[in-house]
Amino acid sequence: MKLCCLTLLLAGCQSEVIVTKREPVFPPGQYLSECPLDYSDRTPAGVIRTLAAGIDCERADKRAIRCWVASFDGEECNGGE
């Protein structure tokens, strides 16, 4: 009971109410788009090359997003490694 009254008493001392609203910040669109891949070469070697290119593209996007986040913290980007 005492804690409740103290809380109400202290809340009444505030002269200004500050309302904050968080707005989401998203990375630039080029980091969120799909990597273009060419699936025209249907040989096993061609499929492996295409999958490897896709993995490399996704890794590059992740690296770019890590650098983008680091720019908000004032840190220098080293490629996320």
Protein backbone atom coordinates (compact mmCIF):
# COMPACT_ATOMS: atom_id res chain seq x y z
CA MET A 1 0.00 0.00 0.00
CA LYS A 2 2.80 2.41 0.91
CA LEU A 3 4.62 1.71 -2.38
CA CYS A 4 1.47 2.40 -4.38
CA CYS A 5 0.92 5.76 -2.66
CA LEU A 6 4.56 6.73 -3.09
CA THR A 7 4.38 5.91 -6.79
CA LEU A 8 1.27 8.03 -7.24
CA LEU A 9 2.82 10.85 -5.25
CA LEU A 10 6.02 10.84 -7.33
CA ALA A 11 4.07 10.59 -10.59
CA GLY A 12 2.21 13.75 -9.64
CA CYS A 13 5.50 15.68 -9.47
CA GLN A 14 6.15 15.47 -13.18
CA SER A 15 5.34 18.68 -14.99
CA GLU A 16 6.01 17.46 -18.51
CA VAL A 17 4.97 14.25 -20.23
CA ILE A 18 7.28 13.01 -22.95
CA VAL A 19 5.84 10.57 -25.44
CA THR A 20 8.32 8.76 -27.63
CA LYS A 21 7.49 6.63 -30.60
CA ARG A 22 9.95 4.22 -32.15
CA GLU A 23 10.11 4.27 -35.89
CA PRO A 24 11.69 1.23 -37.52
CA VAL A 25 14.81 1.84 -39.58
CA PHE A 26 15.32 -0.57 -42.43
CA PRO A 27 18.47 -1.10 -44.50
CA PRO A 28 18.57 0.33 -48.01
CA GLY A 29 16.43 -1.54 -50.53
CA GLN A 30 19.34 -2.83 -52.58
CA TYR A 31 20.40 -4.95 -49.58
CA LEU A 32 16.95 -6.51 -49.29
CA SER A 33 16.38 -7.47 -52.92
CA GLU A 34 16.92 -10.98 -54.18
CA CYS A 35 20.16 -11.85 -55.92
CA PRO A 36 19.61 -12.40 -59.64
CA LEU A 37 20.66 -15.91 -60.61
CA ASP A 38 20.78 -17.54 -64.04
CA TYR A 39 19.46 -21.09 -63.95
CA SER A 40 19.73 -21.67 -67.69
CA ASP A 41 22.76 -23.97 -67.45
CA ARG A 42 21.19 -27.26 -66.28
CA THR A 43 24.39 -29.28 -66.13
CA PRO A 44 25.57 -30.36 -62.67
CA ALA A 45 28.57 -28.03 -62.90
CA GLY A 46 26.33 -25.15 -64.01
CA VAL A 47 23.91 -25.70 -61.14
CA ILE A 48 26.80 -25.75 -58.66
CA ARG A 49 28.21 -22.52 -60.14
CA THR A 50 24.79 -20.88 -59.89
CA LEU A 51 24.32 -21.96 -56.29
CA ALA A 52 27.82 -20.78 -55.40
CA ALA A 53 27.09 -17.41 -57.03
CA GLY A 54 23.88 -17.15 -55.00
CA ILE A 55 25.71 -17.87 -51.76
CA ASP A 56 28.38 -15.28 -52.61
CA CYS A 57 25.70 -12.71 -53.39
CA GLU A 58 23.89 -13.33 -50.10
CA ARG A 59 27.16 -13.09 -48.17
CA ALA A 60 27.91 -9.76 -49.86
CA ASP A 61 24.46 -8.48 -48.86
CA LYS A 62 25.04 -9.53 -45.25
CA ARG A 63 28.42 -7.82 -45.28
CA ALA A 64 26.83 -4.64 -46.65
CA ILE A 65 24.11 -4.70 -43.98
CA ARG A 66 26.73 -5.14 -41.24
CA CYS A 67 28.61 -2.13 -42.62
CA TRP A 68 25.39 -0.15 -42.79
CA VAL A 69 24.66 -0.93 -39.12
CA ALA A 70 28.24 -0.05 -38.16
CA SER A 71 27.83 3.36 -39.80
CA PHE A 72 25.18 4.24 -37.18
CA ASP A 73 27.55 3.35 -34.36
CA GLY A 74 30.34 5.42 -35.86
CA GLU A 75 32.44 2.34 -36.35
CA GLU A 76 34.65 1.66 -39.32
CA CYS A 77 33.44 -1.21 -41.46
CA ASN A 78 35.88 -4.04 -42.00
CA GLY A 79 33.50 -6.14 -44.06
CA GLY A 80 31.92 -7.76 -41.02
CA GLU A 81 34.82 -10.09 -40.38
